[in-house]
Amino acid sequence: MKQAASRDAAVVTPWYPTRELPFRGSFVYDMVAATAPGVDNLTVYHGDAWVTAMDPQTTRAIEAAGAKLLSRAAHRVPTVGGAELVHYPVTMPRGQLYGAQARNHERHLRSLLGGKPIDAPVVHAHVGLPSGWAALHNARPDARVFVTEHASFLETVLEDPDSAQMYDELIERVTGFLVVGQPLTDVIGNKFPHHVDKLIQIPNPITFDYPRPEPVKDLRRWLYLGGILQRKGVNLLVEAFARCHAEDPTLRLTLAGDGDQRLPLLKRIEELGLSDVVDMLGPIPHDQALEVMRNHDLLVHASRYETFGMTIVEGIAAGMPVLVTRCGGPEETLAGIEDAAGQFIDVEENPESIIEGFRRLRARFLDGDLDLERAQAKLAAAYSFESVAQAHYRLWFPDSP
C-alpha cells in the first residue's frame, strides 16, 4: 500500500466520455485533464449505468455473475493528462431510486476492486449519489474523500427520504464537499442547514488555450451545444431561429447533442422548411465540440435551469458572444461581464425573448458594444485549468509545499 504522503489520487464518476456517448461527462474529463499533471498517479473509476428492464431475480443473478468477473475483466487504459481509466458496468433496474442506485454503484465498485479499498490517499467523486457514496465506502480508512456536486437534478434526488438520509450522512463523513456554484449551494444549504459551513465552491475547469482562427464579424452562425431536452429550451430556440431566419436568410443554426427531443425536433425543423440551414450533429467528442465552437459566431443557450453553465463559459473562451437565459448558474459565472460577453434574456415559455434578445445583441455587437477580451480574462482567472487545479491541490494535499 502506498504511503499517505504520496500525491496519488483517484476519481470516481458515473459519467465519462465513451465511444457511444462521447459528450457525456466532458466536465469530468476536463477536471481530470486539469488535475492529472500535478499528481503522481491518477486513476479514474467510471461506473457506467447499464439500465435493464429485467425482473429483480434475473438482475440479481446477472449482478452475482458479474461480481465474479469484474475484477478480472476490467483493465486500465490511458486517458487525458497521463491518467488511467477503468471503465466498468453497473447493472441497474429501470426506475431504481437514487439511494438504491448509490448502493448499486458501491457494490459494483467493490467487486471491481476485489473487495480491497481504492489504493490512493485522495479519492474525489463526482455527484454525491451515486459516486460519492460509492467512493466513501470503498476508500482506504486513511483516505481524504471529496465530492463535487454539479447535478442539475439534485432537488429530485433529495425528494426521496432514503436518498436524503444517505446524502446527509455523506456530507457529514467526507473530508470536503464541493459545489460548482451558488444555485446548488442554496439547494444543499436549504435541505441540510447544519452542513452549510462544510460546503466549498470550486467551479468546473474551462480551457482557454485554443484561440479561434479569426474574430467573429457578424452573428450569422448560431450554435447550441448540450442535451436535446425540453428543459434546455431547444424547441423554443428552433422556433426563434425560424423567425430570425425569415428576417435574415443568411443565418445558420447548428445543434450538437442528443436527447429525447431529437426526433420531434427533426420533424419540426422539416415542417418549418429549415432542413437546409439547420444541422443536427448528434453527440460529439469534447475536442470536436471545442473545434465546432471556434467555427461559429454565437452561442445560444435557452435553458430553463442550470447549476453552472459550463458551455457558456466555453463559448466565451472560444471567442463567441453568448445569448443566454437567466437560469441560475450563468448569472453567477457572468457577474460583472454580462454586457461585455453578450446578452441575458428572461426564461419564458415562448420564443419572443430569444428573438428580441438576438436583435438587441446583434445590434450591440455590430456597434462594437461588447468586450470579449475583457470577459475572457475575467473568466480565465476563475475557471482556467490552472486555477481550478490549484484549488483542488490545496484541498487534496494540504501538507504539500
Foldseek 3Di string as FASTA:
>chain_A
DDDLQAQEEEEEEQWDADPVFQFTPVLVLLLCQLALLPGPAYEYEHAHEDEDQDDPVVLVVVVVVCLVCQLPPWDWDAGHNRYIYTYDYQYDYPPDAQLVQQVSLLSNVCSNVVNAADPHQEYEYEACTRGLSSNVNRHDPNHQYEYEYFDQCVVVNCVDPSSVVSSQVSLVPHNAYEYAADVVLVVVCVSCVVNSVRYHHAHRAEALPDEFPDAADFQAEEEEEDEPDVQFVVLLVLVLVLVVCVVPVSHAYEYEEYDDCVVVSVVVCVVSVNPPRYHYPYHDHPVVVLVVLSVHAEYETQGQAGQACRVLLSSLSHNHAYEYEPHHRVCVLCPPQQQQRFFYFYNDPHNVRVNVRVVVRRVCVNVVRHNSVVSNVVNCCRRHSNNSNVVVCCSNNVPDD
